[in-house]
Amino acid sequence: MPRTIRAAVAATAALVVSLAVTGVPAEATPPNIPAYSTAVSRLNSLTVAAESHQTTYSRDLFPHWITISGACNTREEVLKRDGTNVKVDSSCYPTSGSWYSPYDGATWTNPADIDIDHMVPLAEAWRSGAWAWTTSARQTYANDLGGPELWAVTDSVNQAKGDKDPAKWKPSRTAFHCTYARAWIQAKWYYNLSVDSAEKSALNTMLGTC
């Protein structure tokens, strides 16, 4: 189960309050990415285990995108949070703005070109322990705005990533590998998910670029 589901909910609520009060997010990128030394420590604390329950995964087991505030769902909140000069209509759909995809270095002005990536994909989370969670816990995970789990990225890049872990897929921008590894480790650690041996080795290699 997640370490602190209530903390995740509280963090999300705090972000929503900030958005409601200021109209813009306090961070231009996902929050709570750990420092290098913290990421190393947290990676070493993770349980190393083979993945399991692959055949029982269904995306429907992780309810998303949920309404966060007013007409805005989780995807739209991420687009507002991580974009530049984003304006939305009464349905919370962006009418203008730009989005930089750190995975490949591309910038987009059409929100249709942007996917919201789960740093640790839902299927990967399932295979790493989320199969044992409640539906409520999986919903919290799938809509987590309080940590570095949700990223606005180029849609085709997100589709190429699919449900792969860092042993099987890495962003094309090597300059982002350090941040990617730290964010991945944070999600795995916060939600008490396991890593397999190849995944851990890949993460250590990526941390070596920090």
N, C-alpha and C. Protein backbone atom coordinates (compact mmCIF):
# COMPACT_ATOMS: atom_id res chain seq x y z
N MET A 1 0.83 -1.20 0.00
CA MET A 1 0.00 0.00 0.00
C MET A 1 0.87 1.26 0.00
N PRO A 2 0.38 2.39 -0.45
CA PRO A 2 1.15 3.62 -0.41
C PRO A 2 1.57 3.96 1.01
N ARG A 3 2.71 4.66 1.15
CA ARG A 3 3.19 5.02 2.47
C ARG A 3 2.21 5.93 3.19
N THR A 4 1.76 6.95 2.48
CA THR A 4 0.87 7.92 3.14
C THR A 4 -0.15 8.45 2.16
N ILE A 5 -1.21 7.66 1.96
CA ILE A 5 -2.26 8.09 1.04
C ILE A 5 -2.85 9.42 1.48
N ARG A 6 -3.05 9.58 2.79
CA ARG A 6 -3.63 10.83 3.27
C ARG A 6 -2.72 12.01 2.95
N ALA A 7 -1.41 11.79 3.00
CA ALA A 7 -0.47 12.86 2.68
C ALA A 7 -0.58 13.24 1.21
N ALA A 8 -0.76 12.23 0.36
CA ALA A 8 -0.90 12.50 -1.07
C ALA A 8 -2.15 13.31 -1.34
N VAL A 9 -3.24 12.93 -0.68
CA VAL A 9 -4.50 13.65 -0.84
C VAL A 9 -4.35 15.09 -0.35
N ALA A 10 -3.67 15.25 0.77
CA ALA A 10 -3.46 16.58 1.33
C ALA A 10 -2.62 17.44 0.39
N ALA A 11 -1.60 16.83 -0.19
CA ALA A 11 -0.74 17.58 -1.11
C ALA A 11 -1.52 18.03 -2.33
N THR A 12 -2.37 17.13 -2.84
CA THR A 12 -3.19 17.48 -3.99
C THR A 12 -4.15 18.61 -3.63
N ALA A 13 -4.75 18.50 -2.46
CA ALA A 13 -5.69 19.53 -2.01
C ALA A 13 -4.98 20.88 -1.87
N ALA A 14 -3.75 20.84 -1.35
CA ALA A 14 -2.99 22.08 -1.19
C ALA A 14 -2.71 22.73 -2.53
N LEU A 15 -2.40 21.92 -3.54
CA LEU A 15 -2.16 22.46 -4.88
C LEU A 15 -3.42 23.07 -5.45
N VAL A 16 -4.54 22.41 -5.23
CA VAL A 16 -5.81 22.92 -5.72
C VAL A 16 -6.13 24.27 -5.09
N VAL A 17 -5.87 24.39 -3.78
CA VAL A 17 -6.11 25.66 -3.09
C VAL A 17 -5.23 26.74 -3.69
N SER A 18 -3.95 26.39 -3.94
CA SER A 18 -3.03 27.36 -4.53
C SER A 18 -3.52 27.83 -5.88
N LEU A 19 -3.98 26.88 -6.71
CA LEU A 19 -4.49 27.23 -8.02
C LEU A 19 -5.71 28.13 -7.92
N ALA A 20 -6.58 27.81 -6.97
CA ALA A 20 -7.80 28.58 -6.82
C ALA A 20 -7.51 30.01 -6.38
N VAL A 21 -6.50 30.17 -5.51
CA VAL A 21 -6.18 31.49 -4.98
C VAL A 21 -5.40 32.33 -5.96
N THR A 22 -4.38 31.73 -6.60
CA THR A 22 -3.48 32.51 -7.44
C THR A 22 -3.80 32.45 -8.92
N GLY A 23 -4.49 31.37 -9.34
CA GLY A 23 -4.78 31.21 -10.76
C GLY A 23 -3.65 30.56 -11.52
N VAL A 24 -2.48 30.47 -10.91
CA VAL A 24 -1.33 29.82 -11.54
C VAL A 24 -0.65 28.94 -10.50
N PRO A 25 0.02 27.88 -10.93
CA PRO A 25 0.71 27.00 -10.00
C PRO A 25 2.00 27.61 -9.50
N ALA A 26 2.45 27.12 -8.34
CA ALA A 26 3.70 27.62 -7.76
C ALA A 26 4.90 27.01 -8.46
N GLU A 27 4.73 25.86 -9.12
CA GLU A 27 5.82 25.16 -9.76
C GLU A 27 5.55 25.02 -11.25
N ALA A 28 6.61 25.13 -12.06
CA ALA A 28 6.46 24.94 -13.49
C ALA A 28 6.66 23.49 -13.89
N THR A 29 7.19 22.68 -12.98
CA THR A 29 7.38 21.26 -13.20
C THR A 29 6.81 20.52 -12.00
N PRO A 30 6.64 19.21 -12.11
CA PRO A 30 6.09 18.45 -10.99
C PRO A 30 6.89 18.67 -9.71
N PRO A 31 6.22 18.72 -8.58
CA PRO A 31 6.90 19.02 -7.31
C PRO A 31 7.55 17.80 -6.67
N ASN A 32 8.38 18.10 -5.67
CA ASN A 32 8.95 17.09 -4.77
C ASN A 32 9.86 16.08 -5.46
N ILE A 33 10.67 16.55 -6.40
CA ILE A 33 11.71 15.70 -6.98
C ILE A 33 12.89 15.70 -6.00
N PRO A 34 13.31 14.55 -5.51
CA PRO A 34 14.34 14.53 -4.47
C PRO A 34 15.72 14.90 -5.01
N ALA A 35 16.58 15.36 -4.12
CA ALA A 35 17.96 15.62 -4.47
C ALA A 35 18.67 14.30 -4.78
N TYR A 36 19.80 14.40 -5.44
CA TYR A 36 20.55 13.21 -5.84
C TYR A 36 20.81 12.27 -4.66
N SER A 37 21.35 12.81 -3.58
CA SER A 37 21.71 11.96 -2.43
C SER A 37 20.48 11.29 -1.84
N THR A 38 19.38 12.01 -1.81
CA THR A 38 18.13 11.44 -1.29
C THR A 38 17.64 10.34 -2.21
N ALA A 39 17.74 10.58 -3.51
CA ALA A 39 17.29 9.57 -4.48
C ALA A 39 18.12 8.30 -4.36
N VAL A 40 19.42 8.44 -4.19
CA VAL A 40 20.28 7.26 -4.03
C VAL A 40 19.87 6.46 -2.80
N SER A 41 19.64 7.16 -1.70
CA SER A 41 19.24 6.50 -0.47
C SER A 41 17.90 5.79 -0.63
N ARG A 42 16.97 6.45 -1.27
CA ARG A 42 15.63 5.87 -1.44
C ARG A 42 15.65 4.69 -2.40
N LEU A 43 16.46 4.77 -3.44
CA LEU A 43 16.59 3.63 -4.35
C LEU A 43 17.12 2.42 -3.60
N ASN A 44 18.12 2.63 -2.78
CA ASN A 44 18.72 1.52 -2.04
C ASN A 44 17.78 0.93 -0.99
N SER A 45 16.75 1.69 -0.61
CA SER A 45 15.81 1.19 0.39
C SER A 45 14.66 0.40 -0.23
N LEU A 46 14.53 0.45 -1.56
CA LEU A 46 13.41 -0.21 -2.21
C LEU A 46 13.61 -1.73 -2.22
N THR A 47 12.51 -2.43 -2.11
CA THR A 47 12.53 -3.89 -2.24
C THR A 47 12.82 -4.28 -3.68
N VAL A 48 13.79 -5.16 -3.86
CA VAL A 48 14.10 -5.67 -5.19
C VAL A 48 13.37 -6.99 -5.37
N ALA A 49 12.49 -7.05 -6.35
CA ALA A 49 11.68 -8.25 -6.56
C ALA A 49 11.24 -8.32 -8.01
N ALA A 50 11.01 -9.52 -8.48
CA ALA A 50 10.48 -9.71 -9.83
C ALA A 50 9.05 -9.17 -9.89
N GLU A 51 8.66 -8.67 -11.05
CA GLU A 51 7.30 -8.18 -11.22
C GLU A 51 6.32 -9.35 -11.23
N SER A 52 5.06 -9.06 -10.90
CA SER A 52 4.06 -10.12 -10.83
C SER A 52 2.69 -9.60 -11.24
N HIS A 53 1.75 -10.51 -11.39
CA HIS A 53 0.35 -10.19 -11.69
C HIS A 53 0.18 -9.46 -13.03
N GLN A 54 1.11 -9.67 -13.97
CA GLN A 54 1.03 -8.99 -15.26
C GLN A 54 -0.29 -9.21 -15.97
N THR A 55 -0.82 -10.41 -15.92
CA THR A 55 -2.00 -10.75 -16.72
C THR A 55 -3.30 -10.21 -16.15
N THR A 56 -3.27 -9.70 -14.93
CA THR A 56 -4.51 -9.22 -14.31
C THR A 56 -4.66 -7.70 -14.38
N TYR A 57 -3.70 -7.02 -15.02
CA TYR A 57 -3.76 -5.56 -15.10
C TYR A 57 -4.86 -5.09 -16.04
N SER A 58 -5.53 -4.01 -15.62
CA SER A 58 -6.46 -3.29 -16.48
C SER A 58 -6.36 -1.81 -16.12
N ARG A 59 -6.30 -0.96 -17.14
CA ARG A 59 -6.21 0.48 -16.90
C ARG A 59 -7.41 0.98 -16.11
N ASP A 60 -8.54 0.31 -16.26
CA ASP A 60 -9.75 0.72 -15.55
C ASP A 60 -9.63 0.56 -14.03
N LEU A 61 -8.63 -0.17 -13.58
CA LEU A 61 -8.41 -0.36 -12.15
C LEU A 61 -7.80 0.88 -11.49
N PHE A 62 -7.40 1.87 -12.32
CA PHE A 62 -6.83 3.13 -11.83
C PHE A 62 -7.71 4.28 -12.31
N PRO A 63 -8.79 4.61 -11.62
CA PRO A 63 -9.73 5.63 -12.11
C PRO A 63 -9.04 6.99 -12.33
N HIS A 64 -9.16 7.52 -13.54
CA HIS A 64 -8.61 8.82 -13.88
C HIS A 64 -9.27 9.24 -15.21
N TRP A 65 -9.28 10.47 -15.64
CA TRP A 65 -8.85 11.61 -14.85
C TRP A 65 -10.04 12.09 -14.02
N ILE A 66 -9.81 12.39 -12.75
CA ILE A 66 -10.90 12.79 -11.89
C ILE A 66 -11.00 14.32 -11.84
N THR A 67 -12.17 14.82 -11.45
CA THR A 67 -12.34 16.26 -11.29
C THR A 67 -11.52 16.73 -10.09
N ILE A 68 -10.75 17.78 -10.30
CA ILE A 68 -9.91 18.33 -9.23
C ILE A 68 -10.50 19.61 -8.67
N SER A 69 -10.86 20.53 -9.55
CA SER A 69 -11.38 21.82 -9.10
C SER A 69 -12.28 22.41 -10.18
N GLY A 70 -13.53 22.73 -9.81
CA GLY A 70 -14.44 23.30 -10.79
C GLY A 70 -14.64 22.36 -11.95
N ALA A 71 -14.37 22.85 -13.16
CA ALA A 71 -14.52 22.02 -14.36
C ALA A 71 -13.23 21.29 -14.73
N CYS A 72 -12.17 21.49 -13.95
CA CYS A 72 -10.85 20.99 -14.31
C CYS A 72 -10.58 19.60 -13.76
N ASN A 73 -10.17 18.70 -14.66
CA ASN A 73 -9.77 17.38 -14.22
C ASN A 73 -8.24 17.34 -14.07
N THR A 74 -7.73 16.18 -13.72
CA THR A 74 -6.30 16.06 -13.42
C THR A 74 -5.45 16.44 -14.63
N ARG A 75 -5.80 15.94 -15.80
CA ARG A 75 -5.03 16.27 -17.00
C ARG A 75 -4.97 17.77 -17.21
N GLU A 76 -6.09 18.43 -17.07
CA GLU A 76 -6.14 19.88 -17.31
C GLU A 76 -5.34 20.64 -16.27
N GLU A 77 -5.34 20.14 -15.03
CA GLU A 77 -4.54 20.79 -13.99
C GLU A 77 -3.05 20.68 -14.31
N VAL A 78 -2.62 19.54 -14.84
CA VAL A 78 -1.21 19.39 -15.21
C VAL A 78 -0.87 20.31 -16.37
N LEU A 79 -1.77 20.43 -17.34
CA LEU A 79 -1.53 21.34 -18.46
C LEU A 79 -1.39 22.78 -17.97
N LYS A 80 -2.20 23.17 -16.99
CA LYS A 80 -2.08 24.52 -16.43
C LYS A 80 -0.80 24.66 -15.63
N ARG A 81 -0.48 23.64 -14.86
CA ARG A 81 0.69 23.69 -13.97
C ARG A 81 2.00 23.77 -14.75
N ASP A 82 2.12 22.97 -15.79
CA ASP A 82 3.41 22.81 -16.46
C ASP A 82 3.54 23.61 -17.76
N GLY A 83 2.49 24.30 -18.15
CA GLY A 83 2.57 25.10 -19.37
C GLY A 83 3.01 26.53 -19.10
N THR A 84 3.20 27.28 -20.16
CA THR A 84 3.58 28.68 -20.09
C THR A 84 2.47 29.53 -20.69
N ASN A 85 2.03 30.54 -19.92
CA ASN A 85 0.97 31.45 -20.37
C ASN A 85 -0.28 30.70 -20.80
N VAL A 86 -0.68 29.74 -20.01
CA VAL A 86 -1.85 28.93 -20.35
C VAL A 86 -3.14 29.65 -19.98
N LYS A 87 -4.05 29.71 -20.92
CA LYS A 87 -5.39 30.23 -20.67
C LYS A 87 -6.39 29.14 -21.03
N VAL A 88 -7.46 29.04 -20.24
CA VAL A 88 -8.45 27.99 -20.46
C VAL A 88 -9.83 28.60 -20.61
N ASP A 89 -10.74 27.83 -21.24
CA ASP A 89 -12.11 28.29 -21.37
C ASP A 89 -12.94 27.82 -20.18
N SER A 90 -14.25 28.01 -20.25
CA SER A 90 -15.12 27.69 -19.12
C SER A 90 -15.17 26.20 -18.81
N SER A 91 -14.74 25.38 -19.78
CA SER A 91 -14.68 23.94 -19.56
C SER A 91 -13.30 23.48 -19.12
N CYS A 92 -12.42 24.45 -18.92
CA CYS A 92 -11.04 24.22 -18.48
C CYS A 92 -10.16 23.67 -19.60
N TYR A 93 -10.62 23.74 -20.84
CA TYR A 93 -9.77 23.31 -21.96
C TYR A 93 -8.86 24.46 -22.36
N PRO A 94 -7.55 24.21 -22.50
CA PRO A 94 -6.63 25.28 -22.85
C PRO A 94 -6.94 25.90 -24.22
N THR A 95 -7.01 27.22 -24.25
CA THR A 95 -7.24 27.93 -25.50
C THR A 95 -5.96 28.55 -26.03
N SER A 96 -4.95 28.65 -25.17
CA SER A 96 -3.64 29.14 -25.60
C SER A 96 -2.61 28.72 -24.56
N GLY A 97 -1.36 28.82 -24.97
CA GLY A 97 -0.26 28.44 -24.09
C GLY A 97 0.77 27.62 -24.85
N SER A 98 1.84 27.28 -24.17
CA SER A 98 2.86 26.41 -24.77
C SER A 98 3.37 25.44 -23.72
N TRP A 99 3.83 24.30 -24.20
CA TRP A 99 4.28 23.23 -23.31
C TRP A 99 5.61 22.68 -23.79
N TYR A 100 6.59 22.65 -22.88
CA TYR A 100 7.90 22.09 -23.18
C TYR A 100 7.95 20.66 -22.66
N SER A 101 8.29 19.75 -23.54
CA SER A 101 8.37 18.33 -23.18
C SER A 101 9.82 17.99 -22.82
N PRO A 102 10.11 17.78 -21.54
CA PRO A 102 11.50 17.56 -21.14
C PRO A 102 12.08 16.24 -21.62
N TYR A 103 11.23 15.30 -22.01
CA TYR A 103 11.72 14.00 -22.47
C TYR A 103 12.48 14.11 -23.79
N ASP A 104 11.97 15.00 -24.69
CA ASP A 104 12.56 15.10 -26.02
C ASP A 104 12.96 16.52 -26.40
N GLY A 105 12.66 17.50 -25.57
CA GLY A 105 13.06 18.87 -25.83
C GLY A 105 12.16 19.62 -26.79
N ALA A 106 10.99 19.07 -27.13
CA ALA A 106 10.07 19.73 -28.06
C ALA A 106 9.14 20.69 -27.32
N THR A 107 8.72 21.74 -28.00
CA THR A 107 7.75 22.69 -27.46
C THR A 107 6.51 22.67 -28.34
N TRP A 108 5.35 22.64 -27.71
CA TRP A 108 4.08 22.53 -28.44
C TRP A 108 3.13 23.63 -28.00
N THR A 109 2.30 24.08 -28.94
CA THR A 109 1.28 25.09 -28.62
C THR A 109 -0.13 24.54 -28.73
N ASN A 110 -0.26 23.31 -29.22
CA ASN A 110 -1.57 22.65 -29.30
C ASN A 110 -1.65 21.61 -28.19
N PRO A 111 -2.57 21.76 -27.24
CA PRO A 111 -2.64 20.79 -26.14
C PRO A 111 -2.92 19.37 -26.61
N ALA A 112 -3.46 19.22 -27.82
CA ALA A 112 -3.72 17.88 -28.36
C ALA A 112 -2.43 17.12 -28.64
N ASP A 113 -1.31 17.87 -28.73
CA ASP A 113 -0.01 17.23 -28.97
C ASP A 113 0.66 16.77 -27.68
N ILE A 114 -0.01 17.02 -26.57
CA ILE A 114 0.56 16.71 -25.26
C ILE A 114 -0.20 15.56 -24.60
N ASP A 115 0.55 14.60 -24.10
CA ASP A 115 0.00 13.56 -23.23
C ASP A 115 0.45 13.84 -21.81
N ILE A 116 -0.33 13.38 -20.85
CA ILE A 116 0.10 13.43 -19.46
C ILE A 116 0.62 12.04 -19.11
N ASP A 117 1.92 11.97 -18.93
CA ASP A 117 2.59 10.71 -18.65
C ASP A 117 2.63 10.43 -17.16
N HIS A 118 2.30 9.20 -16.79
CA HIS A 118 2.58 8.73 -15.44
C HIS A 118 4.04 8.31 -15.41
N MET A 119 4.85 9.02 -14.64
CA MET A 119 6.28 8.72 -14.60
C MET A 119 6.51 7.22 -14.42
N VAL A 120 5.92 6.64 -13.38
CA VAL A 120 5.88 5.19 -13.24
C VAL A 120 4.52 4.76 -13.80
N PRO A 121 4.50 4.16 -14.99
CA PRO A 121 3.23 3.85 -15.65
C PRO A 121 2.31 3.02 -14.77
N LEU A 122 1.03 3.14 -15.04
CA LEU A 122 0.03 2.43 -14.23
C LEU A 122 0.28 0.92 -14.26
N ALA A 123 0.58 0.37 -15.42
CA ALA A 123 0.81 -1.07 -15.52
C ALA A 123 2.07 -1.47 -14.75
N GLU A 124 3.09 -0.61 -14.79
CA GLU A 124 4.32 -0.87 -14.04
C GLU A 124 4.05 -0.83 -12.54
N ALA A 125 3.25 0.14 -12.12
CA ALA A 125 2.89 0.22 -10.70
C ALA A 125 2.13 -1.03 -10.28
N TRP A 126 1.21 -1.46 -11.14
CA TRP A 126 0.44 -2.68 -10.84
C TRP A 126 1.36 -3.87 -10.62
N ARG A 127 2.31 -4.06 -11.53
CA ARG A 127 3.23 -5.20 -11.45
C ARG A 127 4.20 -5.09 -10.28
N SER A 128 4.33 -3.88 -9.75
CA SER A 128 5.30 -3.64 -8.68
C SER A 128 4.66 -3.57 -7.29
N GLY A 129 3.36 -3.87 -7.22
CA GLY A 129 2.70 -3.90 -5.92
C GLY A 129 1.32 -3.30 -5.86
N ALA A 130 0.95 -2.46 -6.84
CA ALA A 130 -0.36 -1.81 -6.79
C ALA A 130 -1.50 -2.78 -7.00
N TRP A 131 -1.19 -4.00 -7.46
CA TRP A 131 -2.24 -5.02 -7.60
C TRP A 131 -2.91 -5.31 -6.25
N ALA A 132 -2.20 -5.04 -5.16
CA ALA A 132 -2.73 -5.34 -3.83
C ALA A 132 -3.45 -4.14 -3.21
N TRP A 133 -3.46 -3.00 -3.88
CA TRP A 133 -4.08 -1.80 -3.32
C TRP A 133 -5.59 -1.84 -3.48
N THR A 134 -6.25 -0.94 -2.76
CA THR A 134 -7.67 -0.70 -2.97
C THR A 134 -7.85 0.18 -4.21
N THR A 135 -9.05 0.20 -4.76
CA THR A 135 -9.34 1.07 -5.89
C THR A 135 -9.13 2.53 -5.52
N SER A 136 -9.48 2.89 -4.30
CA SER A 136 -9.28 4.26 -3.83
C SER A 136 -7.81 4.64 -3.84
N ALA A 137 -6.96 3.74 -3.40
CA ALA A 137 -5.51 4.01 -3.40
C ALA A 137 -4.98 4.15 -4.82
N ARG A 138 -5.49 3.32 -5.72
CA ARG A 138 -5.04 3.42 -7.12
C ARG A 138 -5.52 4.71 -7.76
N GLN A 139 -6.69 5.17 -7.38
CA GLN A 139 -7.18 6.45 -7.90
C GLN A 139 -6.29 7.59 -7.43
N THR A 140 -5.90 7.56 -6.16
CA THR A 140 -5.00 8.58 -5.63
C THR A 140 -3.70 8.59 -6.40
N TYR A 141 -3.16 7.42 -6.66
CA TYR A 141 -1.91 7.31 -7.40
C TYR A 141 -2.04 7.87 -8.82
N ALA A 142 -3.10 7.50 -9.49
CA ALA A 142 -3.28 7.87 -10.90
C ALA A 142 -3.52 9.36 -11.10
N ASN A 143 -3.87 10.06 -10.03
CA ASN A 143 -4.19 11.49 -10.12
C ASN A 143 -3.33 12.33 -9.19
N ASP A 144 -2.14 11.84 -8.87
CA ASP A 144 -1.29 12.48 -7.86
C ASP A 144 -0.62 13.75 -8.39
N LEU A 145 -1.08 14.89 -7.91
CA LEU A 145 -0.49 16.18 -8.25
C LEU A 145 0.53 16.63 -7.22
N GLY A 146 0.68 15.89 -6.14
CA GLY A 146 1.55 16.30 -5.05
C GLY A 146 2.99 15.84 -5.18
N GLY A 147 3.27 14.98 -6.13
CA GLY A 147 4.62 14.47 -6.33
C GLY A 147 4.98 14.49 -7.80
N PRO A 148 6.18 13.99 -8.15
CA PRO A 148 6.63 14.04 -9.55
C PRO A 148 6.17 12.85 -10.37
N GLU A 149 4.88 12.56 -10.33
CA GLU A 149 4.33 11.40 -11.01
C GLU A 149 3.73 11.74 -12.37
N LEU A 150 3.21 12.97 -12.54
CA LEU A 150 2.52 13.35 -13.77
C LEU A 150 3.30 14.40 -14.53
N TRP A 151 3.57 14.12 -15.82
CA TRP A 151 4.39 15.00 -16.65
C TRP A 151 3.70 15.28 -17.98
N ALA A 152 3.73 16.54 -18.41
CA ALA A 152 3.20 16.92 -19.72
C ALA A 152 4.30 16.72 -20.75
N VAL A 153 4.09 15.78 -21.68
CA VAL A 153 5.15 15.42 -22.64
C VAL A 153 4.55 15.21 -24.03
N THR A 154 5.41 15.19 -25.03
CA THR A 154 4.99 14.92 -26.40
C THR A 154 4.21 13.61 -26.49
N ASP A 155 3.06 13.64 -27.13
CA ASP A 155 2.19 12.46 -27.13
C ASP A 155 2.87 11.22 -27.73
N SER A 156 3.57 11.38 -28.84
CA SER A 156 4.20 10.22 -29.46
C SER A 156 5.32 9.63 -28.60
N VAL A 157 5.98 10.50 -27.83
CA VAL A 157 7.04 10.02 -26.93
C VAL A 157 6.42 9.21 -25.80
N ASN A 158 5.32 9.70 -25.27
CA ASN A 158 4.63 8.96 -24.21
C ASN A 158 4.15 7.61 -24.72
N GLN A 159 3.67 7.58 -25.95
CA GLN A 159 3.19 6.32 -26.52
C GLN A 159 4.34 5.35 -26.77
N ALA A 160 5.51 5.88 -27.12
CA ALA A 160 6.68 5.02 -27.31
C ALA A 160 7.14 4.43 -25.97
N LYS A 161 7.02 5.22 -24.92
CA LYS A 161 7.39 4.74 -23.58
C LYS A 161 6.46 3.62 -23.14
N GLY A 162 5.17 3.80 -23.35
CA GLY A 162 4.19 2.79 -22.95
C GLY A 162 4.29 2.49 -21.46
N ASP A 163 4.41 1.21 -21.12
CA ASP A 163 4.49 0.83 -19.71
C ASP A 163 5.90 0.37 -19.35
N LYS A 164 6.90 0.81 -20.12
CA LYS A 164 8.28 0.34 -19.93
C LYS A 164 8.97 1.03 -18.74
N ASP A 165 9.81 0.26 -18.04
CA ASP A 165 10.63 0.84 -16.99
C ASP A 165 11.96 1.31 -17.58
N PRO A 166 12.82 1.97 -16.79
CA PRO A 166 14.06 2.53 -17.35
C PRO A 166 15.04 1.51 -17.93
N ALA A 167 14.88 0.24 -17.63
CA ALA A 167 15.74 -0.78 -18.24
C ALA A 167 15.36 -0.99 -19.70
N LYS A 168 14.15 -0.58 -20.07
CA LYS A 168 13.65 -0.81 -21.42
C LYS A 168 13.38 0.46 -22.22
N TRP A 169 13.31 1.60 -21.51
CA TRP A 169 13.05 2.87 -22.19
C TRP A 169 13.60 4.01 -21.36
N LYS A 170 14.26 4.96 -22.05
CA LYS A 170 14.75 6.18 -21.41
C LYS A 170 14.44 7.36 -22.33
N PRO A 171 14.27 8.56 -21.77
CA PRO A 171 14.05 9.74 -22.62
C PRO A 171 15.23 9.93 -23.58
N SER A 172 14.94 10.44 -24.77
CA SER A 172 16.00 10.67 -25.75
C SER A 172 16.98 11.75 -25.29
N ARG A 173 16.51 12.68 -24.48
CA ARG A 173 17.39 13.73 -23.94
C ARG A 173 18.19 13.18 -22.76
N THR A 174 19.45 12.88 -23.00
CA THR A 174 20.28 12.35 -21.91
C THR A 174 20.44 13.36 -20.78
N ALA A 175 20.30 14.64 -21.09
CA ALA A 175 20.41 15.68 -20.06
C ALA A 175 19.29 15.57 -19.03
N PHE A 176 18.23 14.88 -19.40
CA PHE A 176 17.09 14.73 -18.49
C PHE A 176 17.15 13.43 -17.69
N HIS A 177 18.11 12.57 -17.95
CA HIS A 177 18.15 11.27 -17.31
C HIS A 177 18.26 11.37 -15.79
N CYS A 178 19.04 12.31 -15.30
CA CYS A 178 19.18 12.48 -13.85
C CYS A 178 17.83 12.80 -13.22
N THR A 179 17.12 13.79 -13.78
CA THR A 179 15.81 14.17 -13.24
C THR A 179 14.81 13.04 -13.37
N TYR A 180 14.85 12.36 -14.51
CA TYR A 180 13.93 11.25 -14.75
C TYR A 180 14.11 10.17 -13.69
N ALA A 181 15.35 9.80 -13.43
CA ALA A 181 15.62 8.76 -12.44
C ALA A 181 15.19 9.20 -11.04
N ARG A 182 15.46 10.44 -10.69
CA ARG A 182 15.07 10.92 -9.36
C ARG A 182 13.56 10.94 -9.18
N ALA A 183 12.84 11.34 -10.23
CA ALA A 183 11.37 11.36 -10.16
C ALA A 183 10.82 9.94 -10.10
N TRP A 184 11.37 9.03 -10.91
CA TRP A 184 10.93 7.63 -10.91
C TRP A 184 11.13 7.01 -9.52
N ILE A 185 12.31 7.22 -8.96
CA ILE A 185 12.62 6.66 -7.64
C ILE A 185 11.68 7.22 -6.58
N GLN A 186 11.39 8.52 -6.66
CA GLN A 186 10.49 9.12 -5.68
C GLN A 186 9.11 8.46 -5.72
N ALA A 187 8.59 8.25 -6.92
CA ALA A 187 7.27 7.63 -7.04
C ALA A 187 7.28 6.21 -6.49
N LYS A 188 8.32 5.45 -6.82
CA LYS A 188 8.41 4.08 -6.32
C LYS A 188 8.55 4.06 -4.79
N TRP A 189 9.35 4.96 -4.27
CA TRP A 189 9.58 5.00 -2.82
C TRP A 189 8.33 5.46 -2.08
N TYR A 190 7.72 6.54 -2.56
CA TYR A 190 6.57 7.12 -1.85
C TYR A 190 5.43 6.13 -1.76
N TYR A 191 5.24 5.36 -2.82
CA TYR A 191 4.14 4.41 -2.85
C TYR A 191 4.56 2.99 -2.49
N ASN A 192 5.77 2.85 -1.98
CA ASN A 192 6.26 1.56 -1.49
C ASN A 192 6.16 0.46 -2.55
N LEU A 193 6.56 0.81 -3.77
CA LEU A 193 6.56 -0.14 -4.87
C LEU A 193 7.94 -0.77 -5.01
N SER A 194 7.99 -1.98 -5.51
CA SER A 194 9.27 -2.67 -5.67
C SER A 194 9.93 -2.29 -6.99
N VAL A 195 11.21 -2.64 -7.12
CA VAL A 195 11.93 -2.52 -8.38
C VAL A 195 12.50 -3.89 -8.72
N ASP A 196 12.64 -4.18 -10.02
CA ASP A 196 13.33 -5.42 -10.36
C ASP A 196 14.81 -5.10 -10.55
N SER A 197 15.64 -6.11 -10.67
CA SER A 197 17.09 -5.90 -10.66
C SER A 197 17.57 -5.10 -11.86
N ALA A 198 17.01 -5.37 -13.05
CA ALA A 198 17.41 -4.63 -14.24
C ALA A 198 17.00 -3.16 -14.14
N GLU A 199 15.83 -2.92 -13.60
CA GLU A 199 15.33 -1.57 -13.40
C GLU A 199 16.24 -0.80 -12.44
N LYS A 200 16.63 -1.43 -11.34
CA LYS A 200 17.50 -0.79 -10.36
C LYS A 200 18.86 -0.46 -10.98
N SER A 201 19.40 -1.36 -11.77
CA SER A 201 20.67 -1.12 -12.42
C SER A 201 20.59 0.05 -13.37
N ALA A 202 19.50 0.13 -14.15
CA ALA A 202 19.30 1.24 -15.08
C ALA A 202 19.18 2.56 -14.35
N LEU A 203 18.48 2.57 -13.24
CA LEU A 203 18.31 3.79 -12.45
C LEU A 203 19.66 4.24 -11.88
N ASN A 204 20.46 3.32 -11.42
CA ASN A 204 21.79 3.69 -10.93
C ASN A 204 22.64 4.30 -12.03
N THR A 205 22.54 3.75 -13.23
CA THR A 205 23.27 4.31 -14.36
C THR A 205 22.81 5.72 -14.67
N MET A 206 21.51 5.93 -14.64
CA MET A 206 20.96 7.27 -14.91
C MET A 206 21.35 8.25 -13.81
N LEU A 207 21.38 7.80 -12.57
CA LEU A 207 21.82 8.67 -11.48
C LEU A 207 23.27 9.07 -11.66
N GLY A 208 24.04 8.23 -12.34
CA GLY A 208 25.43 8.55 -12.60
C GLY A 208 25.63 9.76 -13.49
N THR A 209 24.56 10.22 -14.13
CA THR A 209 24.64 11.42 -14.98
C THR A 209 24.37 12.70 -14.19
N CYS A 210 24.00 12.56 -12.94
CA CYS A 210 23.63 13.74 -12.14
C CYS A 210 24.86 14.63 -11.86
